[in-house]
Amino acid sequence: MQNQKLKVSLKLFVLDIIGAIMAAFGLLSVVGEGGQVHPWLVDKTHGAVLMIVGLGLMAWFMFDLLKRIRTQRQSRVRQSVG
């Protein structure tokens, strides 16, 4: 059986990293320590928006990754059957 590498979009991977950073700063703001990083993060609403958008970007990456894994498994099953 041959191991195939899973190809991941570089653009989505970068967006995942950016989403993780946004979610971290958003969480820091929601907890109440965001003002030490930047004055804009004092407002908890800004932090909540950052956190939601960051988590959304990370979820987008995970859904795309799971879709690619499922497609690769299905193609592997078709090759072994045919």
C-alpha atoms as a PDB file:
ATOM      1  CA  MET A   1       0.000   0.000   0.000  1.00  0.00           C
ATOM      2  CA  GLN A   2       1.342   3.353  -1.020  1.00  0.00           C
ATOM      3  CA  ASN A   3       1.265   6.336   1.339  1.00  0.00           C
ATOM      4  CA  GLN A   4       0.087   9.475  -0.422  1.00  0.00           C
ATOM      5  CA  LYS A   5       0.842  12.898   0.993  1.00  0.00           C
ATOM      6  CA  LEU A   6      -2.128  15.057   1.801  1.00  0.00           C
ATOM      7  CA  LYS A   7      -1.899  18.299  -0.156  1.00  0.00           C
ATOM      8  CA  VAL A   8      -2.959  21.308   1.900  1.00  0.00           C
ATOM      9  CA  SER A   9      -3.577  24.733   0.441  1.00  0.00           C
ATOM     10  CA  LEU A  10      -0.858  27.141   1.587  1.00  0.00           C
ATOM     11  CA  LYS A  11      -3.335  30.023   1.547  1.00  0.00           C
ATOM     12  CA  LEU A  12      -5.704  28.217   3.904  1.00  0.00           C
ATOM     13  CA  PHE A  13      -2.816  27.201   6.165  1.00  0.00           C
ATOM     14  CA  VAL A  14      -1.715  30.846   6.464  1.00  0.00           C
ATOM     15  CA  LEU A  15      -5.315  31.865   7.181  1.00  0.00           C
ATOM     16  CA  ASP A  16      -5.418  29.202   9.901  1.00  0.00           C
ATOM     17  CA  ILE A  17      -2.333  30.674  11.569  1.00  0.00           C
ATOM     18  CA  ILE A  18      -3.772  34.196  11.293  1.00  0.00           C
ATOM     19  CA  GLY A  19      -7.045  32.907  12.758  1.00  0.00           C
ATOM     20  CA  ALA A  20      -5.209  31.364  15.701  1.00  0.00           C
ATOM     21  CA  ILE A  21      -3.437  34.660  16.407  1.00  0.00           C
ATOM     22  CA  MET A  22      -6.703  36.606  16.118  1.00  0.00           C
ATOM     23  CA  ALA A  23      -8.471  34.178  18.450  1.00  0.00           C
ATOM     24  CA  ALA A  24      -5.638  34.438  20.975  1.00  0.00           C
ATOM     25  CA  PHE A  25      -5.745  38.239  21.024  1.00  0.00           C
ATOM     26  CA  GLY A  26      -9.548  38.139  21.171  1.00  0.00           C
ATOM     27  CA  LEU A  27      -9.474  35.773  24.123  1.00  0.00           C
ATOM     28  CA  LEU A  28      -6.915  37.980  25.829  1.00  0.00           C
ATOM     29  CA  SER A  29      -9.233  40.955  25.360  1.00  0.00           C
ATOM     30  CA  VAL A  30     -12.353  39.121  26.551  1.00  0.00           C
ATOM     31  CA  VAL A  31     -10.535  37.991  29.696  1.00  0.00           C
ATOM     32  CA  GLY A  32      -9.665  41.626  30.386  1.00  0.00           C
ATOM     33  CA  GLU A  33      -5.911  41.715  29.788  1.00  0.00           C
ATOM     34  CA  GLY A  34      -6.024  43.029  26.198  1.00  0.00           C
ATOM     35  CA  GLY A  35      -5.219  46.596  27.219  1.00  0.00           C
ATOM     36  CA  GLN A  36      -1.668  45.557  28.028  1.00  0.00           C
ATOM     37  CA  VAL A  37      -1.143  44.527  24.409  1.00  0.00           C
ATOM     38  CA  HIS A  38      -2.942  47.332  22.570  1.00  0.00           C
ATOM     39  CA  PRO A  39      -5.413  50.060  23.609  1.00  0.00           C
ATOM     40  CA  TRP A  40      -7.925  48.862  20.986  1.00  0.00           C
ATOM     41  CA  LEU A  41      -8.222  45.555  22.833  1.00  0.00           C
ATOM     42  CA  VAL A  42      -9.540  47.189  26.013  1.00  0.00           C
ATOM     43  CA  ASP A  43     -13.070  46.953  24.599  1.00  0.00           C
ATOM     44  CA  LYS A  44     -14.395  43.430  25.115  1.00  0.00           C
ATOM     45  CA  THR A  45     -16.626  43.741  22.049  1.00  0.00           C
ATOM     46  CA  HIS A  46     -13.553  44.088  19.841  1.00  0.00           C
ATOM     47  CA  GLY A  47     -12.077  41.040  21.522  1.00  0.00           C
ATOM     48  CA  ALA A  48     -15.230  38.997  21.002  1.00  0.00           C
ATOM     49  CA  VAL A  49     -15.312  39.883  17.298  1.00  0.00           C
ATOM     50  CA  LEU A  50     -11.634  38.958  16.940  1.00  0.00           C
ATOM     51  CA  MET A  51     -12.191  35.671  18.720  1.00  0.00           C
ATOM     52  CA  ILE A  52     -15.232  34.708  16.632  1.00  0.00           C
ATOM     53  CA  VAL A  53     -13.548  35.587  13.333  1.00  0.00           C
ATOM     54  CA  GLY A  54     -10.357  33.783  14.362  1.00  0.00           C
ATOM     55  CA  LEU A  55     -12.243  30.636  15.342  1.00  0.00           C
ATOM     56  CA  GLY A  56     -14.165  30.833  12.074  1.00  0.00           C
ATOM     57  CA  LEU A  57     -10.949  30.929  10.057  1.00  0.00           C
ATOM     58  CA  MET A  58      -9.583  27.945  11.973  1.00  0.00           C
ATOM     59  CA  ALA A  59     -12.841  26.024  11.448  1.00  0.00           C
ATOM     60  CA  TRP A  60     -12.722  26.792   7.719  1.00  0.00           C
ATOM     61  CA  PHE A  61      -9.255  25.254   7.545  1.00  0.00           C
ATOM     62  CA  MET A  62     -10.350  22.151   9.466  1.00  0.00           C
ATOM     63  CA  PHE A  63     -13.443  21.595   7.279  1.00  0.00           C
ATOM     64  CA  ASP A  64     -11.316  21.918   4.151  1.00  0.00           C
ATOM     65  CA  LEU A  65      -8.746  19.509   5.581  1.00  0.00           C
ATOM     66  CA  LEU A  66     -11.408  16.947   6.500  1.00  0.00           C
ATOM     67  CA  LYS A  67     -12.910  17.273   3.020  1.00  0.00           C
ATOM     68  CA  ARG A  68      -9.497  16.567   1.470  1.00  0.00           C
ATOM     69  CA  ILE A  69      -8.965  13.550   3.751  1.00  0.00           C
ATOM     70  CA  ARG A  70     -12.364  12.110   2.821  1.00  0.00           C
ATOM     71  CA  THR A  71     -11.689  12.622  -0.909  1.00  0.00           C
ATOM     72  CA  GLN A  72      -8.301  10.940  -0.614  1.00  0.00           C
ATOM     73  CA  ARG A  73      -9.769   7.957   1.256  1.00  0.00           C
ATOM     74  CA  GLN A  74     -12.516   7.533  -1.311  1.00  0.00           C
ATOM     75  CA  SER A  75     -10.023   7.583  -4.173  1.00  0.00           C
ATOM     76  CA  ARG A  76      -7.868   5.024  -2.335  1.00  0.00           C
ATOM     77  CA  VAL A  77     -10.870   2.719  -1.888  1.00  0.00           C
ATOM     78  CA  ARG A  78     -11.740   3.048  -5.584  1.00  0.00           C
ATOM     79  CA  GLN A  79      -8.160   2.152  -6.570  1.00  0.00           C
ATOM     80  CA  SER A  80      -8.111  -0.938  -4.348  1.00  0.00           C
ATOM     81  CA  VAL A  81     -11.499  -2.145  -5.628  1.00  0.00           C
ATOM     82  CA  GLY A  82     -10.802  -1.492  -9.321  1.00  0.00           C
END
